[in-house]
Amino acid sequence: MAGATGTEERPVALTLLSGAVAAALVFPLTWVLMRASAIDLGQAESLLLNGRTLEVVLNSLLLMTSVTVLSVLLAVPLAVLTVRTDLPGRRFWTVVVSLPLAIPSYLGAFAFVAMFRPRGIVQGWLAPLGVRELPDVYGLPGAILIITLYTYPYVYLTTRAALKTFDKSLVDAARTLNHGRWETFRRVTLPQIRPAITAGSLLVALYAVSDFGTPAFLQAQVFTREIYLRYQSLGGGDYAAFLSLQLVGLTVFILALESRVRRTDTLYTSGAGGTSRIELGRWRWPAAAFCALLGTATLAMPVGVFAWFLASGETSAAGFAFRLEWLYNSATVAALAALVAAAAALPVAYLSARDDGWLGSLFERTTYVGYAVPGIVIGLALVFFGANYGAVEVAGVEVGVYQTLPILVFAYVVRFMPQAVGSTRTSVLQVNPRLHEAARTLGERPAAAFRRVTLPLVAPGMVAGAALVFLTTMKELPATLLLRPTGFETLVTRIWNAESAGYYGNAALPALLLLVVSGLSMVVILRQE
């Protein structure tokens, strides 16, 4: 085996197959470079200094910065409360404040708009009291609020993990030196958990600049929404490509920053020592009420809004009544994406786990490109490729791949392949290479030994990765909107269409089904852990 004896015995076929998979996954990004090279300097300067472009850039940076800062301010106290204090029901609140991470933020945005829009649910409740108008909920402030509420768990989970593992005897030592609790936290605890806070913050920033659904529902002028609007407008292709290039550049900057932080931040822990929990005293129940309020805003409100719409009967608009076909379509393309991703992930994960050289690691890291790049850019890249270069001639008839199921499934695989690779690679690492070698000594050919010995042991990890790809594909919005075949409706497209037309009640059942999918995805993640 390669992992046992070095890279010179690396199977050529496996290496070529892994390289082909990696190349296919980074292929869509070549569109960004092609379109960028086609724009001359004068046109690029004009687009860059355009007032609309400056507004989009500033709004996107403000969105990213505000969401990141607010997430830290919200998540770090929550982590301290659920790890270091005598908060009542700490385990229960840990689950409650973590769950928003599994819910697509655009569902939270949809519920928020349905509640507080003009002539929305809240205004209907207040109308008998003489309230005729509520403050405008659309725009950048609303997007900042909603994205913060559904991304702060990134910071919460990394900070919580750091708090549970760092050497607590340092806190006891500081307390014996007569340092107050706040000074101890600032001078001892905070430096220890800062790397974890930074790592979670960078994930929040990456999500904030790449999110499409929330800014679209709340009409915030940021990169993702503007790219989609320009794509829909006549002659807006160059501008959409230019904005996509800027968005990719910002994403690469965030990833580079994350890589640098990971390299330079070192956290020394011993796990030794203990310290008594912080007694909240009279603040115990207000702290629990704060956690309950947060859970109500992020979990109970969306479920309540969608259930209210179903109970009120506002689901009968012509052409928007729920059809099982939408659920079937969503499940079908998600299943196809899961199967393709699981199959494509196997050679990459196996080579990465068994090979000691740099090539296996390179191919594995390459599969993460699509996951890091915003879905709107991947979708738009495949739109331009499919429309301009994706036609082939079959029996004298030109057949295009644009707006077909194959290109839609390919987009999903590009986006969510790392989920399958990571799970499969973990399973491969747990299989002793000597089992394969034993089969070879008994006369089995390499492929037969892999099929009969290794594959059955790796299969559970492949299934878990495929399940995660299936569940996340069901919730993917931008790629589905851009690449779905004409007339092919899924749960997410019906939510989008119903919101765009103002028929909020007709999006209730599809939204509830997606919430169930979100819960299942969290179960799969927890089972993997």
Protein backbone atom coordinates (compact mmCIF):
# COMPACT_ATOMS: atom_id res chain seq x y z
CA MET A 1 0.00 0.00 0.00
CA ALA A 2 1.10 3.55 -0.72
CA GLY A 3 0.55 4.67 2.81
CA ALA A 4 2.79 1.96 4.10
CA THR A 5 5.70 2.03 1.72
CA GLY A 6 5.80 5.48 0.16
CA THR A 7 4.62 7.36 -2.86
CA GLU A 8 6.59 5.36 -5.41
CA GLU A 9 4.01 2.53 -5.11
CA ARG A 10 1.11 4.91 -5.54
CA PRO A 11 -1.43 3.22 -7.90
CA VAL A 12 -1.37 5.07 -11.20
CA ALA A 13 -5.06 4.48 -12.00
CA LEU A 14 -6.13 5.70 -8.55
CA THR A 15 -3.95 8.80 -8.88
CA LEU A 16 -5.31 9.64 -12.33
CA LEU A 17 -8.89 9.11 -11.21
CA SER A 18 -8.42 11.31 -8.12
CA GLY A 19 -6.77 13.99 -10.25
CA ALA A 20 -9.65 13.92 -12.74
CA VAL A 21 -12.18 14.36 -9.94
CA ALA A 22 -10.22 17.26 -8.44
CA ALA A 23 -9.84 18.94 -11.84
CA ALA A 24 -13.57 18.62 -12.54
CA LEU A 25 -14.42 20.28 -9.24
CA VAL A 26 -12.24 23.35 -9.83
CA PHE A 27 -13.24 23.62 -13.48
CA PRO A 28 -16.19 26.04 -12.91
CA LEU A 29 -13.82 28.65 -11.45
CA THR A 30 -11.98 28.89 -14.77
CA TRP A 31 -15.00 30.81 -16.03
CA VAL A 32 -14.26 33.63 -13.59
CA LEU A 33 -10.70 33.91 -14.90
CA MET A 34 -11.84 33.69 -18.54
CA ARG A 35 -14.41 36.43 -18.12
CA ALA A 36 -11.95 38.56 -16.18
CA SER A 37 -9.32 38.28 -18.92
CA ALA A 38 -11.93 39.34 -21.49
CA ILE A 39 -12.54 42.66 -19.70
CA ASP A 40 -10.08 45.36 -20.78
CA LEU A 41 -8.54 47.78 -18.29
CA GLY A 42 -10.75 50.68 -19.30
CA GLN A 43 -13.91 48.63 -18.85
CA ALA A 44 -12.66 47.22 -15.56
CA GLU A 45 -11.92 50.72 -14.25
CA SER A 46 -15.37 51.89 -15.32
CA LEU A 47 -17.06 48.97 -13.59
CA LEU A 48 -14.94 49.32 -10.46
CA LEU A 49 -15.63 53.03 -10.02
CA ASN A 50 -19.31 52.65 -10.83
CA GLY A 51 -21.45 54.07 -8.01
CA ARG A 52 -23.51 50.90 -7.90
CA THR A 53 -20.38 48.77 -7.55
CA LEU A 54 -19.05 50.90 -4.71
CA GLU A 55 -22.39 50.61 -2.91
CA VAL A 56 -22.39 46.83 -3.31
CA VAL A 57 -18.79 46.52 -2.09
CA LEU A 58 -19.34 48.76 0.93
CA ASN A 59 -22.61 47.04 1.86
CA SER A 60 -21.00 43.61 1.56
CA LEU A 61 -18.07 44.63 3.74
CA LEU A 62 -20.44 46.21 6.27
CA LEU A 63 -22.57 43.07 6.30
CA MET A 64 -19.55 40.83 6.82
CA THR A 65 -18.02 43.01 9.54
CA SER A 66 -21.25 43.64 11.43
CA VAL A 67 -22.36 40.01 11.40
CA THR A 68 -18.92 38.86 12.57
CA VAL A 69 -18.71 41.36 15.43
CA LEU A 70 -22.30 40.73 16.58
CA SER A 71 -21.77 36.97 16.41
CA VAL A 72 -18.74 37.23 18.69
CA LEU A 73 -20.59 39.48 21.14
CA LEU A 74 -23.46 36.99 21.24
CA ALA A 75 -21.58 33.69 21.12
CA VAL A 76 -18.75 34.20 23.63
CA PRO A 77 -21.05 35.05 26.58
CA LEU A 78 -23.27 32.11 25.61
CA ALA A 79 -20.27 29.79 25.62
CA VAL A 80 -19.18 31.03 29.03
CA LEU A 81 -22.74 30.65 30.37
CA THR A 82 -23.13 27.06 29.19
CA VAL A 83 -19.63 25.87 30.14
CA ARG A 84 -18.38 27.83 33.15
CA THR A 85 -21.49 28.86 35.13
CA ASP A 86 -24.29 27.25 37.13
CA LEU A 87 -26.87 28.18 34.47
CA PRO A 88 -30.05 26.10 35.04
CA GLY A 89 -30.45 23.43 32.36
CA ARG A 90 -27.01 24.01 30.80
CA ARG A 91 -27.15 20.91 28.59
CA PHE A 92 -30.58 21.78 27.25
CA TRP A 93 -29.58 25.36 26.44
CA THR A 94 -26.39 24.11 24.79
CA VAL A 95 -28.52 22.22 22.27
CA VAL A 96 -30.97 25.11 21.84
CA VAL A 97 -28.34 27.75 21.08
CA SER A 98 -26.49 25.36 18.73
CA LEU A 99 -29.46 24.32 16.58
CA PRO A 100 -29.79 27.53 14.50
CA LEU A 101 -26.63 26.47 12.67
CA ALA A 102 -28.60 23.66 10.99
CA ILE A 103 -31.35 25.94 9.67
CA PRO A 104 -30.92 27.78 6.34
CA SER A 105 -30.81 31.47 7.15
CA TYR A 106 -33.19 32.23 4.26
CA LEU A 107 -35.95 30.35 6.13
CA GLY A 108 -35.36 32.64 9.10
CA ALA A 109 -35.44 35.63 6.74
CA PHE A 110 -38.67 34.39 5.20
CA ALA A 111 -40.32 34.03 8.62
CA PHE A 112 -38.99 37.45 9.68
CA VAL A 113 -40.44 39.14 6.61
CA ALA A 114 -43.76 37.31 6.98
CA MET A 115 -44.00 38.48 10.59
CA PHE A 116 -42.99 42.13 10.28
CA ARG A 117 -43.61 43.20 6.67
CA PRO A 118 -46.35 45.71 5.84
CA ARG A 119 -49.71 43.95 6.21
CA GLY A 120 -47.85 41.05 7.80
CA ILE A 121 -48.78 38.89 10.77
CA VAL A 122 -47.74 41.37 13.49
CA GLN A 123 -49.46 44.31 11.85
CA GLY A 124 -52.61 42.20 11.56
CA TRP A 125 -52.47 41.57 15.30
CA LEU A 126 -51.91 45.26 16.08
CA ALA A 127 -54.47 46.66 13.63
CA PRO A 128 -57.33 46.56 16.20
CA LEU A 129 -55.14 48.74 18.43
CA GLY A 130 -54.88 51.40 15.73
CA VAL A 131 -51.39 50.49 14.45
CA ARG A 132 -51.45 51.05 10.70
CA GLU A 133 -47.76 50.82 9.84
CA LEU A 134 -44.63 49.11 11.16
CA PRO A 135 -41.01 50.14 10.62
CA ASP A 136 -39.49 48.90 7.35
CA VAL A 137 -37.86 45.49 7.83
CA TYR A 138 -36.13 45.36 4.45
CA GLY A 139 -32.57 46.33 3.69
CA LEU A 140 -29.13 45.79 5.17
CA PRO A 141 -30.02 46.05 8.91
CA GLY A 142 -32.53 43.22 8.61
CA ALA A 143 -30.01 41.06 6.73
CA ILE A 144 -27.37 41.70 9.40
CA LEU A 145 -29.79 40.69 12.16
CA ILE A 146 -31.00 37.48 10.52
CA ILE A 147 -27.59 36.24 9.35
CA THR A 148 -26.17 36.91 12.82
CA LEU A 149 -28.93 34.86 14.46
CA TYR A 150 -28.20 31.86 12.24
CA THR A 151 -24.40 32.00 12.10
CA TYR A 152 -23.29 32.87 15.65
CA PRO A 153 -23.18 29.10 16.49
CA TYR A 154 -19.96 28.89 14.43
CA VAL A 155 -18.28 31.07 17.06
CA TYR A 156 -20.23 29.51 19.92
CA LEU A 157 -19.20 25.94 19.13
CA THR A 158 -15.49 26.70 18.61
CA THR A 159 -15.38 28.86 21.75
CA ARG A 160 -17.24 26.30 23.80
CA ALA A 161 -14.80 23.59 22.75
CA ALA A 162 -11.85 25.78 23.74
CA LEU A 163 -13.38 26.59 27.14
CA LYS A 164 -13.88 22.91 27.86
CA THR A 165 -10.28 21.95 27.07
CA PHE A 166 -8.01 24.73 28.31
CA ASP A 167 -6.16 24.40 31.61
CA LYS A 168 -8.60 25.69 34.23
CA SER A 169 -5.95 25.70 36.96
CA LEU A 170 -4.70 28.95 35.41
CA VAL A 171 -8.01 30.55 36.39
CA ASP A 172 -7.66 29.28 39.96
CA ALA A 173 -4.12 30.67 40.10
CA ALA A 174 -5.30 34.09 38.94
CA ARG A 175 -8.08 34.07 41.50
CA THR A 176 -5.63 33.31 44.31
CA LEU A 177 -3.72 36.45 43.25
CA ASN A 178 -6.85 38.47 44.03
CA HIS A 179 -7.80 39.13 40.40
CA GLY A 180 -11.51 39.74 39.91
CA ARG A 181 -13.59 37.52 37.62
CA TRP A 182 -13.61 40.03 34.76
CA GLU A 183 -9.87 40.70 35.03
CA THR A 184 -9.19 36.95 35.18
CA PHE A 185 -11.28 36.41 32.06
CA ARG A 186 -9.56 39.25 30.20
CA ARG A 187 -5.99 38.37 31.18
CA VAL A 188 -6.13 34.56 31.43
CA THR A 189 -9.15 33.00 29.73
CA LEU A 190 -9.51 35.28 26.71
CA PRO A 191 -5.94 34.81 25.41
CA GLN A 192 -6.43 31.04 25.67
CA ILE A 193 -9.69 30.96 23.71
CA ARG A 194 -8.84 33.74 21.22
CA PRO A 195 -7.73 31.29 18.48
CA ALA A 196 -11.06 29.47 18.72
CA ILE A 197 -13.00 32.75 18.59
CA THR A 198 -11.00 33.85 15.57
CA ALA A 199 -11.56 30.56 13.75
CA GLY A 200 -15.31 30.72 14.31
CA SER A 201 -15.39 34.39 13.32
CA LEU A 202 -13.75 33.68 9.98
CA LEU A 203 -16.37 31.00 9.26
CA VAL A 204 -19.08 33.55 10.05
CA ALA A 205 -17.46 36.09 7.73
CA LEU A 206 -17.25 33.52 4.95
CA TYR A 207 -20.92 32.64 5.33
CA ALA A 208 -22.01 36.28 5.50
CA VAL A 209 -20.42 37.28 2.18
CA SER A 210 -21.60 34.11 0.40
CA ASP A 211 -25.21 33.98 1.62
CA PHE A 212 -27.74 34.58 -1.13
CA GLY A 213 -31.21 33.82 0.19
CA THR A 214 -31.29 36.20 3.16
CA PRO A 215 -30.12 39.33 1.27
CA ALA A 216 -32.47 38.40 -1.58
CA PHE A 217 -35.52 38.08 0.69
CA LEU A 218 -34.61 41.27 2.56
CA GLN A 219 -33.58 43.19 -0.61
CA ALA A 220 -30.11 44.07 0.67
CA GLN A 221 -27.75 45.38 -2.02
CA VAL A 222 -24.80 43.03 -1.58
CA PHE A 223 -22.64 40.93 -3.90
CA THR A 224 -24.78 37.80 -4.09
CA ARG A 225 -28.11 39.52 -4.76
CA GLU A 226 -26.61 41.99 -7.23
CA ILE A 227 -24.92 39.18 -9.18
CA TYR A 228 -28.27 37.40 -9.51
CA LEU A 229 -30.08 40.57 -10.60
CA ARG A 230 -27.40 41.36 -13.17
CA TYR A 231 -27.55 37.81 -14.48
CA GLN A 232 -31.29 38.24 -15.06
CA SER A 233 -30.94 41.62 -16.75
CA LEU A 234 -30.26 41.87 -20.49
CA GLY A 235 -26.58 42.47 -21.24
CA GLY A 236 -25.54 42.23 -17.60
CA GLY A 237 -23.24 39.25 -18.05
CA ASP A 238 -19.96 41.17 -17.93
CA TYR A 239 -21.00 43.09 -14.83
CA ALA A 240 -22.16 39.89 -13.10
CA ALA A 241 -18.82 38.27 -13.97
CA PHE A 242 -16.92 41.28 -12.66
CA LEU A 243 -18.83 41.20 -9.38
CA SER A 244 -18.27 37.45 -9.15
CA LEU A 245 -14.53 38.00 -9.53
CA GLN A 246 -14.58 40.52 -6.68
CA LEU A 247 -16.61 38.15 -4.51
CA VAL A 248 -14.20 35.29 -5.19
CA GLY A 249 -11.30 37.61 -4.33
CA LEU A 250 -12.91 38.51 -1.00
CA THR A 251 -13.58 34.82 -0.29
CA VAL A 252 -9.97 33.89 -1.07
CA PHE A 253 -8.79 36.66 1.28
CA ILE A 254 -10.93 35.26 4.11
CA LEU A 255 -9.66 31.73 3.46
CA ALA A 256 -6.05 32.92 3.40
CA LEU A 257 -6.61 34.76 6.67
CA GLU A 258 -8.13 31.63 8.20
CA SER A 259 -5.15 29.57 7.06
CA ARG A 260 -2.71 32.08 8.52
CA VAL A 261 -4.56 32.18 11.84
CA ARG A 262 -4.59 28.39 11.99
CA ARG A 263 -0.83 28.32 11.39
CA THR A 264 0.21 31.02 13.83
CA ASP A 265 -2.18 30.54 16.74
CA THR A 266 -1.05 27.92 19.20
CA LEU A 267 -3.16 26.87 22.14
CA TYR A 268 -1.47 24.94 24.92
CA THR A 269 -3.76 22.84 27.06
CA SER A 270 -3.17 20.26 29.70
CA GLY A 271 -6.70 19.48 30.73
CA ALA A 272 -5.36 19.45 34.27
CA GLY A 273 -6.75 21.28 37.19
CA GLY A 274 -10.27 22.25 37.97
CA THR A 275 -12.16 25.29 39.03
CA SER A 276 -15.51 25.85 40.62
CA ARG A 277 -18.30 27.05 38.39
CA ILE A 278 -19.15 30.72 38.39
CA GLU A 279 -22.23 31.29 40.51
CA LEU A 280 -24.66 33.58 38.73
CA GLY A 281 -26.73 34.25 41.82
CA ARG A 282 -29.72 36.41 41.00
CA TRP A 283 -28.69 36.42 37.32
CA ARG A 284 -29.32 32.68 36.88
CA TRP A 285 -32.89 33.00 35.68
CA PRO A 286 -32.38 36.15 33.58
CA ALA A 287 -29.54 34.27 31.84
CA ALA A 288 -31.84 31.30 31.20
CA ALA A 289 -34.50 33.70 29.93
CA PHE A 290 -31.96 35.15 27.49
CA CYS A 291 -31.24 31.68 26.10
CA ALA A 292 -34.96 31.04 25.86
CA LEU A 293 -35.49 34.32 24.00
CA LEU A 294 -32.76 33.42 21.55
CA GLY A 295 -34.26 29.97 20.96
CA THR A 296 -37.67 31.56 20.43
CA ALA A 297 -36.32 33.97 17.81
CA THR A 298 -34.28 31.41 15.88
CA LEU A 299 -36.28 28.19 16.26
CA ALA A 300 -39.79 28.74 17.59
CA MET A 301 -40.58 31.79 15.44
CA PRO A 302 -39.99 30.14 12.04
CA VAL A 303 -41.88 27.01 13.06
CA GLY A 304 -44.68 29.10 14.54
CA VAL A 305 -44.97 31.32 11.46
CA PHE A 306 -45.18 28.40 9.05
CA ALA A 307 -47.62 26.53 11.30
CA TRP A 308 -49.76 29.69 11.61
CA PHE A 309 -49.99 29.98 7.84
CA LEU A 310 -51.06 26.35 7.54
CA ALA A 311 -53.64 26.69 10.31
CA SER A 312 -55.04 29.94 8.86
CA GLY A 313 -55.71 28.32 5.48
CA GLU A 314 -53.71 30.93 3.51
CA THR A 315 -52.35 28.28 1.18
CA SER A 316 -54.77 28.25 -1.74
CA ALA A 317 -53.40 30.83 -4.21
CA ALA A 318 -53.90 29.68 -7.79
CA GLY A 319 -50.83 27.89 -9.13
CA PHE A 320 -49.12 27.80 -5.73
CA ALA A 321 -50.96 24.94 -3.99
CA PHE A 322 -48.55 22.36 -2.66
CA ARG A 323 -47.70 19.41 -4.90
CA LEU A 324 -45.91 16.23 -3.94
CA GLU A 325 -44.04 16.60 -7.23
CA TRP A 326 -41.90 19.36 -5.63
CA LEU A 327 -40.83 17.07 -2.80
CA TYR A 328 -40.17 14.24 -5.29
CA ASN A 329 -38.05 16.52 -7.49
CA SER A 330 -36.05 17.77 -4.51
CA ALA A 331 -35.44 14.25 -3.25
CA THR A 332 -34.54 12.96 -6.71
CA VAL A 333 -31.83 15.51 -7.53
CA ALA A 334 -30.52 15.34 -3.96
CA ALA A 335 -30.27 11.55 -4.18
CA LEU A 336 -28.47 11.76 -7.53
CA ALA A 337 -26.03 14.33 -6.11
CA ALA A 338 -25.43 12.16 -3.03
CA LEU A 339 -24.69 9.06 -5.12
CA VAL A 340 -22.36 10.89 -7.50
CA ALA A 341 -20.57 12.67 -4.64
CA ALA A 342 -20.10 9.42 -2.70
CA ALA A 343 -18.69 7.64 -5.76
CA ALA A 344 -16.42 10.54 -6.75
CA ALA A 345 -15.22 11.04 -3.16
CA LEU A 346 -14.03 7.45 -2.76
CA PRO A 347 -10.83 7.60 -4.88
CA VAL A 348 -9.90 11.05 -3.52
CA ALA A 349 -10.46 10.03 0.10
CA TYR A 350 -8.69 6.69 -0.31
CA LEU A 351 -5.62 8.22 -1.95
CA SER A 352 -5.46 10.99 0.65
CA ALA A 353 -5.72 8.53 3.55
CA ARG A 354 -3.28 5.96 2.20
CA ASP A 355 -0.69 8.16 0.46
CA ASP A 356 2.11 9.88 2.39
CA GLY A 357 2.99 12.28 -0.44
CA TRP A 358 1.78 15.76 -1.25
CA LEU A 359 -0.32 14.74 -4.26
CA GLY A 360 -3.05 12.98 -2.29
CA SER A 361 -3.31 15.91 0.09
CA LEU A 362 -3.46 18.36 -2.84
CA PHE A 363 -6.32 16.50 -4.50
CA GLU A 364 -8.22 16.33 -1.22
CA ARG A 365 -7.80 20.05 -0.49
CA THR A 366 -8.83 20.87 -4.06
CA THR A 367 -12.25 19.34 -3.48
CA TYR A 368 -12.92 22.04 -0.87
CA VAL A 369 -12.75 24.86 -3.43
CA GLY A 370 -16.40 24.58 -4.45
CA TYR A 371 -17.48 24.48 -0.82
CA ALA A 372 -15.63 27.71 -0.07
CA VAL A 373 -16.71 29.63 -3.18
CA PRO A 374 -20.24 31.14 -2.94
CA GLY A 375 -22.95 29.05 -4.56
CA ILE A 376 -24.12 31.97 -6.69
CA VAL A 377 -20.68 32.09 -8.38
CA ILE A 378 -20.61 28.33 -9.01
CA GLY A 379 -24.12 28.48 -10.44
CA LEU A 380 -23.37 31.48 -12.66
CA ALA A 381 -20.13 29.90 -13.91
CA LEU A 382 -22.00 26.77 -14.99
CA VAL A 383 -24.74 28.89 -16.57
CA PHE A 384 -22.22 30.63 -18.83
CA PHE A 385 -20.41 27.39 -19.61
CA GLY A 386 -23.60 25.48 -20.37
CA ALA A 387 -25.07 28.25 -22.50
CA ASN A 388 -21.91 28.89 -24.54
CA TYR A 389 -19.90 25.65 -24.62
CA GLY A 390 -22.14 22.89 -23.33
CA ALA A 391 -23.83 21.76 -26.56
CA VAL A 392 -22.92 18.45 -28.20
CA GLU A 393 -24.20 16.91 -31.39
CA VAL A 394 -26.00 13.57 -31.02
CA ALA A 395 -27.29 11.84 -34.17
CA GLY A 396 -27.24 15.13 -36.04
CA VAL A 397 -29.17 16.95 -33.29
CA GLU A 398 -27.51 19.53 -31.06
CA VAL A 399 -28.13 18.74 -27.42
CA GLY A 400 -27.21 21.28 -24.73
CA VAL A 401 -26.49 20.69 -21.06
CA TYR A 402 -27.71 24.11 -19.93
CA GLN A 403 -30.77 23.82 -17.65
CA THR A 404 -30.58 20.04 -17.52
CA LEU A 405 -30.44 17.68 -14.57
CA PRO A 406 -26.82 16.59 -15.21
CA ILE A 407 -25.42 20.12 -14.88
CA LEU A 408 -27.62 20.79 -11.84
CA VAL A 409 -26.38 17.60 -10.15
CA PHE A 410 -22.80 18.52 -11.09
CA ALA A 411 -23.24 21.91 -9.38
CA TYR A 412 -24.42 20.19 -6.21
CA VAL A 413 -21.45 17.82 -6.28
CA VAL A 414 -19.03 20.74 -6.68
CA ARG A 415 -20.66 22.53 -3.76
CA PHE A 416 -20.92 19.68 -1.27
CA MET A 417 -18.23 17.18 -2.24
CA PRO A 418 -16.10 17.89 0.90
CA GLN A 419 -18.85 16.45 3.09
CA ALA A 420 -18.52 13.09 1.31
CA VAL A 421 -14.70 13.25 1.13
CA GLY A 422 -14.28 14.03 4.83
CA SER A 423 -16.60 11.28 6.02
CA THR A 424 -15.15 8.67 3.65
CA ARG A 425 -11.55 9.58 4.46
CA THR A 426 -12.24 9.17 8.17
CA SER A 427 -13.59 5.67 7.53
CA VAL A 428 -10.58 4.74 5.38
CA LEU A 429 -8.21 5.84 8.14
CA GLN A 430 -9.99 3.52 10.56
CA VAL A 431 -9.34 0.47 8.34
CA ASN A 432 -6.03 -1.26 8.99
CA PRO A 433 -4.04 -1.44 5.71
CA ARG A 434 -2.79 -4.89 6.70
CA LEU A 435 -6.26 -6.31 6.01
CA HIS A 436 -5.87 -5.38 2.36
CA GLU A 437 -2.33 -6.76 2.31
CA ALA A 438 -3.56 -10.03 3.84
CA ALA A 439 -6.09 -10.40 1.04
CA ARG A 440 -3.34 -9.79 -1.53
CA THR A 441 -1.16 -12.55 0.00
CA LEU A 442 -4.12 -14.91 -0.42
CA GLY A 443 -4.05 -14.34 -4.16
CA GLU A 444 -6.64 -11.55 -4.57
CA ARG A 445 -5.99 -8.92 -7.21
CA PRO A 446 -5.79 -5.31 -5.87
CA ALA A 447 -9.25 -4.33 -7.14
CA ALA A 448 -10.84 -7.54 -5.83
CA ALA A 449 -9.14 -7.16 -2.45
CA PHE A 450 -10.41 -3.61 -2.17
CA ARG A 451 -13.95 -4.62 -3.18
CA ARG A 452 -14.19 -7.60 -0.84
CA VAL A 453 -12.24 -6.35 2.19
CA THR A 454 -11.85 -2.57 2.34
CA LEU A 455 -15.06 -1.34 0.72
CA PRO A 456 -17.47 -3.04 3.17
CA LEU A 457 -15.57 -1.48 6.08
CA VAL A 458 -15.55 1.98 4.46
CA ALA A 459 -19.21 1.81 3.42
CA PRO A 460 -20.69 3.29 6.65
CA GLY A 461 -18.61 6.45 6.24
CA MET A 462 -19.62 6.70 2.59
CA VAL A 463 -23.29 6.37 3.54
CA ALA A 464 -22.97 9.04 6.24
CA GLY A 465 -21.26 11.42 3.80
CA ALA A 466 -23.88 10.73 1.13
CA ALA A 467 -26.67 11.37 3.64
CA LEU A 468 -25.15 14.74 4.54
CA VAL A 469 -24.80 15.67 0.86
CA PHE A 470 -28.44 14.67 0.31
CA LEU A 471 -29.72 16.80 3.18
CA THR A 472 -27.68 19.91 2.31
CA THR A 473 -28.55 19.61 -1.38
CA MET A 474 -32.24 19.71 -0.49
CA LYS A 475 -31.66 23.20 0.98
CA GLU A 476 -29.40 24.70 -1.72
CA LEU A 477 -31.02 27.83 -3.21
CA PRO A 478 -28.82 29.82 -5.67
CA ALA A 479 -27.52 26.89 -7.76
CA THR A 480 -31.03 25.47 -7.99
CA LEU A 481 -32.51 28.78 -9.17
CA LEU A 482 -29.85 29.28 -11.83
CA LEU A 483 -29.48 25.77 -13.23
CA ARG A 484 -32.78 23.88 -12.83
CA PRO A 485 -34.52 22.74 -16.02
CA THR A 486 -37.45 24.84 -17.17
CA GLY A 487 -40.58 23.79 -15.30
CA PHE A 488 -38.58 21.73 -12.78
CA GLU A 489 -39.82 22.89 -9.38
CA THR A 490 -38.38 21.92 -6.00
CA LEU A 491 -39.15 22.89 -2.42
CA VAL A 492 -36.64 25.76 -2.44
CA THR A 493 -37.80 27.16 -5.79
CA ARG A 494 -41.43 27.15 -4.61
CA ILE A 495 -40.46 29.01 -1.45
CA TRP A 496 -38.62 31.53 -3.62
CA ASN A 497 -41.52 31.91 -6.06
CA ALA A 498 -44.14 32.19 -3.33
CA GLU A 499 -42.13 34.85 -1.49
CA SER A 500 -41.51 36.78 -4.71
CA ALA A 501 -45.23 36.75 -5.51
CA GLY A 502 -46.24 37.65 -1.94
CA TYR A 503 -48.06 34.36 -1.31
CA TYR A 504 -46.37 33.63 1.98
CA GLY A 505 -48.86 31.04 3.11
CA ASN A 506 -48.12 28.84 0.13
CA ALA A 507 -44.46 28.59 1.15
CA ALA A 508 -45.36 27.32 4.64
CA LEU A 509 -45.46 23.58 3.93
CA PRO A 510 -42.30 23.50 1.77
CA ALA A 511 -40.54 25.54 4.46
CA LEU A 512 -41.64 23.18 7.23
CA LEU A 513 -40.39 20.22 5.21
CA LEU A 514 -37.02 21.92 4.83
CA LEU A 515 -36.92 22.54 8.59
CA VAL A 516 -37.36 18.80 9.09
CA VAL A 517 -34.50 18.21 6.64
CA SER A 518 -32.38 20.68 8.61
CA GLY A 519 -33.04 18.79 11.82
CA LEU A 520 -32.09 15.52 10.14
CA SER A 521 -28.83 17.04 8.92
CA MET A 522 -27.94 17.96 12.49
CA VAL A 523 -28.67 14.37 13.57
CA VAL A 524 -26.34 13.06 10.85
CA ILE A 525 -23.59 15.47 11.91
CA LEU A 526 -23.92 14.47 15.56
CA ARG A 527 -23.84 10.76 14.66
CA GLN A 528 -20.66 11.33 12.65
CA GLU A 529 -19.06 13.03 15.64
